[in-house]
Amino acid sequence: QVQVVESGGGLVQAGDSLRLSCIASGPTNYIYGMGWFRQAPGKEREFVAAIRWSVYMTFYGDSAKNRFKVSKDDENTMVLEMRSLKPEDTAVYYCAADTKNGLDYGFSQAWAYSVWGQGTQVTVSS
C-alpha cells in the first residue's frame, strides 16, 4: 500500500522560509495527486496546497496563495516551499496522497485523500 512521510518542519522566525518534503513509497503508480493540510492547536484541519500528478496542476488554499509553492521534486516526492512565514502559519503540516481520484471532486477536502502521513511540526516565532 502507498505510504507517505513528511520531513522538513522546524522552528523559524517570522519572515523566514521553510521547505517541506513528502516522500511516497509503495505502489506509487496509483497516486493521482498529493496535498498538504495543516492543523493548529484548537483549530480544524485546513487545506494548504495540492498537486495533481499526471496533469500538472496545482491548487492553493487562501492562506498559501502568493507565499507557498507546491511542486514535484521527482516521481515520488512532493515539496512545499513556504516563504514570508507568519506566526499564524504555526501548525502540524500533513501530507496526503489521493489514490482514488478524489482530487477531481474535492482537492481541498480531506476526504479526497486516502493516505496520510504523521505530520511535521512547523513553528513560527514572532
C-alpha atoms as a PDB file:
ATOM      1  CA  GLN A   1       0.000   0.000   0.000  1.00  0.00           C
ATOM      2  CA  VAL A   2       1.044   3.604  -0.545  1.00  0.00           C
ATOM      3  CA  GLN A   3       2.669   5.358   2.383  1.00  0.00           C
ATOM      4  CA  VAL A   4       3.786   8.980   2.758  1.00  0.00           C
ATOM      5  CA  VAL A   5       6.300  10.529   5.116  1.00  0.00           C
ATOM      6  CA  GLU A   6       6.798  14.237   5.722  1.00  0.00           C
ATOM      7  CA  SER A   7      10.015  15.995   6.673  1.00  0.00           C
ATOM      8  CA  GLY A   8      11.437  19.486   6.919  1.00  0.00           C
ATOM      9  CA  GLY A   9       9.485  21.032   9.765  1.00  0.00           C
ATOM     10  CA  GLY A  10      11.123  23.094  12.454  1.00  0.00           C
ATOM     11  CA  LEU A  11      11.277  26.340  14.383  1.00  0.00           C
ATOM     12  CA  VAL A  12      11.788  29.511  12.362  1.00  0.00           C
ATOM     13  CA  GLN A  13      11.280  33.217  12.826  1.00  0.00           C
ATOM     14  CA  ALA A  14       8.614  35.326  11.199  1.00  0.00           C
ATOM     15  CA  GLY A  15       9.638  36.244   7.662  1.00  0.00           C
ATOM     16  CA  ASP A  16      11.797  33.146   7.202  1.00  0.00           C
ATOM     17  CA  SER A  17      11.359  30.427   4.620  1.00  0.00           C
ATOM     18  CA  LEU A  18      10.988  26.683   5.063  1.00  0.00           C
ATOM     19  CA  ARG A  19      10.854  23.704   2.717  1.00  0.00           C
ATOM     20  CA  LEU A  20       8.739  20.658   3.485  1.00  0.00           C
ATOM     21  CA  SER A  21       9.076  17.375   1.647  1.00  0.00           C
ATOM     22  CA  CYS A  22       6.789  14.406   1.365  1.00  0.00           C
ATOM     23  CA  ILE A  23       8.078  11.117   0.023  1.00  0.00           C
ATOM     24  CA  ALA A  24       5.669   8.447  -1.180  1.00  0.00           C
ATOM     25  CA  SER A  25       6.528   4.760  -1.199  1.00  0.00           C
ATOM     26  CA  GLY A  26       4.821   1.577  -2.273  1.00  0.00           C
ATOM     27  CA  PRO A  27       2.752   1.304  -5.475  1.00  0.00           C
ATOM     28  CA  THR A  28       3.046   4.998  -6.269  1.00  0.00           C
ATOM     29  CA  ASN A  29       1.619   4.466  -9.748  1.00  0.00           C
ATOM     30  CA  TYR A  30      -1.776   4.553  -8.002  1.00  0.00           C
ATOM     31  CA  ILE A  31      -1.271   8.159  -6.874  1.00  0.00           C
ATOM     32  CA  TYR A  32      -3.448  10.687  -8.690  1.00  0.00           C
ATOM     33  CA  GLY A  33      -2.071  13.587  -6.711  1.00  0.00           C
ATOM     34  CA  MET A  34      -0.920  14.776  -3.316  1.00  0.00           C
ATOM     35  CA  GLY A  35      -1.777  17.548  -0.959  1.00  0.00           C
ATOM     36  CA  TRP A  36      -0.739  19.442   2.139  1.00  0.00           C
ATOM     37  CA  PHE A  37      -3.016  20.196   5.038  1.00  0.00           C
ATOM     38  CA  ARG A  38      -2.235  21.812   8.372  1.00  0.00           C
ATOM     39  CA  GLN A  39      -3.783  21.829  11.789  1.00  0.00           C
ATOM     40  CA  ALA A  40      -3.107  24.347  14.523  1.00  0.00           C
ATOM     41  CA  PRO A  41      -3.983  23.655  18.172  1.00  0.00           C
ATOM     42  CA  GLY A  42      -7.701  24.020  18.747  1.00  0.00           C
ATOM     43  CA  LYS A  43      -8.447  24.509  15.058  1.00  0.00           C
ATOM     44  CA  GLU A  44      -9.793  22.326  12.289  1.00  0.00           C
ATOM     45  CA  ARG A  45      -7.563  20.812   9.661  1.00  0.00           C
ATOM     46  CA  GLU A  46      -7.018  23.329   6.867  1.00  0.00           C
ATOM     47  CA  PHE A  47      -6.197  22.779   3.208  1.00  0.00           C
ATOM     48  CA  VAL A  48      -2.887  24.330   2.176  1.00  0.00           C
ATOM     49  CA  ALA A  49      -1.998  23.143  -1.328  1.00  0.00           C
ATOM     50  CA  ALA A  50      -2.282  20.216  -3.710  1.00  0.00           C
ATOM     51  CA  ILE A  51      -0.794  18.987  -6.936  1.00  0.00           C
ATOM     52  CA  ARG A  52      -2.214  16.644  -9.495  1.00  0.00           C
ATOM     53  CA  TRP A  53       0.316  14.133 -10.658  1.00  0.00           C
ATOM     54  CA  SER A  54      -0.324  13.231 -14.308  1.00  0.00           C
ATOM     55  CA  VAL A  55      -1.681  16.546 -15.478  1.00  0.00           C
ATOM     56  CA  TYR A  56       0.497  19.096 -13.763  1.00  0.00           C
ATOM     57  CA  MET A  57      -1.991  21.235 -11.924  1.00  0.00           C
ATOM     58  CA  THR A  58      -1.613  22.965  -8.580  1.00  0.00           C
ATOM     59  CA  PHE A  59      -4.187  24.252  -6.129  1.00  0.00           C
ATOM     60  CA  TYR A  60      -3.818  26.557  -3.143  1.00  0.00           C
ATOM     61  CA  GLY A  61      -5.780  27.484  -0.082  1.00  0.00           C
ATOM     62  CA  ASP A  62      -6.266  31.144   0.714  1.00  0.00           C
ATOM     63  CA  SER A  63      -3.568  31.108   3.381  1.00  0.00           C
ATOM     64  CA  ALA A  64      -0.980  29.764   0.947  1.00  0.00           C
ATOM     65  CA  LYS A  65      -1.607  31.925  -2.099  1.00  0.00           C
ATOM     66  CA  ASN A  66       1.317  34.158  -3.073  1.00  0.00           C
ATOM     67  CA  ARG A  67       3.546  32.765  -0.299  1.00  0.00           C
ATOM     68  CA  PHE A  68       3.708  28.991  -0.736  1.00  0.00           C
ATOM     69  CA  LYS A  69       4.596  26.889  -3.741  1.00  0.00           C
ATOM     70  CA  VAL A  70       3.824  23.197  -4.181  1.00  0.00           C
ATOM     71  CA  SER A  71       5.754  21.118  -6.679  1.00  0.00           C
ATOM     72  CA  LYS A  72       7.028  17.668  -7.587  1.00  0.00           C
ATOM     73  CA  ASP A  73      10.683  17.087  -6.863  1.00  0.00           C
ATOM     74  CA  ASP A  74      10.652  13.704  -8.564  1.00  0.00           C
ATOM     75  CA  GLU A  75       8.128  10.962  -9.299  1.00  0.00           C
ATOM     76  CA  ASN A  76       7.611  10.171  -5.626  1.00  0.00           C
ATOM     77  CA  THR A  77       8.310  13.447  -3.848  1.00  0.00           C
ATOM     78  CA  MET A  78       6.146  16.481  -3.263  1.00  0.00           C
ATOM     79  CA  VAL A  79       7.663  19.696  -1.951  1.00  0.00           C
ATOM     80  CA  LEU A  80       6.074  22.688  -0.246  1.00  0.00           C
ATOM     81  CA  GLU A  81       8.194  25.805  -0.304  1.00  0.00           C
ATOM     82  CA  MET A  82       6.995  28.354   2.210  1.00  0.00           C
ATOM     83  CA  ARG A  83       8.229  31.926   2.413  1.00  0.00           C
ATOM     84  CA  SER A  84       7.366  35.022   4.411  1.00  0.00           C
ATOM     85  CA  LEU A  85       6.204  32.773   7.221  1.00  0.00           C
ATOM     86  CA  LYS A  86       3.949  34.220   9.888  1.00  0.00           C
ATOM     87  CA  PRO A  87       3.213  33.076  13.449  1.00  0.00           C
ATOM     88  CA  GLU A  88      -0.261  32.064  12.265  1.00  0.00           C
ATOM     89  CA  ASP A  89       1.391  29.508   9.978  1.00  0.00           C
ATOM     90  CA  THR A  90       2.338  27.557  13.090  1.00  0.00           C
ATOM     91  CA  ALA A  91       0.740  24.116  12.820  1.00  0.00           C
ATOM     92  CA  VAL A  92       1.329  20.454  12.199  1.00  0.00           C
ATOM     93  CA  TYR A  93       1.616  20.028   8.443  1.00  0.00           C
ATOM     94  CA  TYR A  94       0.274  16.811   6.973  1.00  0.00           C
ATOM     95  CA  CYS A  95       0.998  15.247   3.636  1.00  0.00           C
ATOM     96  CA  ALA A  96      -1.747  13.241   1.961  1.00  0.00           C
ATOM     97  CA  ALA A  97      -1.990  11.142  -1.179  1.00  0.00           C
ATOM     98  CA  ASP A  98      -5.006  10.610  -3.399  1.00  0.00           C
ATOM     99  CA  THR A  99      -5.146   7.023  -4.657  1.00  0.00           C
ATOM    100  CA  LYS A 100      -8.825   7.044  -5.684  1.00  0.00           C
ATOM    101  CA  ASN A 101      -9.035  10.118  -7.915  1.00  0.00           C
ATOM    102  CA  GLY A 102     -10.661  12.190  -5.218  1.00  0.00           C
ATOM    103  CA  LEU A 103      -8.862  15.360  -6.301  1.00  0.00           C
ATOM    104  CA  ASP A 104     -11.187  15.799  -9.252  1.00  0.00           C
ATOM    105  CA  TYR A 105     -14.111  16.124  -6.857  1.00  0.00           C
ATOM    106  CA  GLY A 106     -12.636  17.904  -3.887  1.00  0.00           C
ATOM    107  CA  PHE A 107      -8.955  18.777  -3.912  1.00  0.00           C
ATOM    108  CA  SER A 108      -9.325  20.927  -0.796  1.00  0.00           C
ATOM    109  CA  GLN A 109     -11.276  18.341   1.168  1.00  0.00           C
ATOM    110  CA  ALA A 110      -9.658  15.824   3.476  1.00  0.00           C
ATOM    111  CA  TRP A 111     -11.997  13.056   2.286  1.00  0.00           C
ATOM    112  CA  ALA A 112     -10.433  13.250  -1.194  1.00  0.00           C
ATOM    113  CA  TYR A 113      -7.212  11.770   0.152  1.00  0.00           C
ATOM    114  CA  SER A 114      -6.855   8.156   1.213  1.00  0.00           C
ATOM    115  CA  VAL A 115      -3.332   8.081   2.621  1.00  0.00           C
ATOM    116  CA  TRP A 116      -1.985  10.384   5.327  1.00  0.00           C
ATOM    117  CA  GLY A 117       1.367  10.975   6.919  1.00  0.00           C
ATOM    118  CA  GLN A 118       2.084  11.505  10.592  1.00  0.00           C
ATOM    119  CA  GLY A 119       2.711  15.214  10.190  1.00  0.00           C
ATOM    120  CA  THR A 120       5.626  17.538  10.754  1.00  0.00           C
ATOM    121  CA  GLN A 121       5.585  20.473  13.166  1.00  0.00           C
ATOM    122  CA  VAL A 122       6.195  23.976  11.865  1.00  0.00           C
ATOM    123  CA  THR A 123       6.573  26.693  14.481  1.00  0.00           C
ATOM    124  CA  VAL A 124       6.988  30.332  13.519  1.00  0.00           C
ATOM    125  CA  SER A 125       8.073  32.686  16.281  1.00  0.00           C
ATOM    126  CA  SER A 126       7.292  36.396  16.215  1.00  0.00           C
END
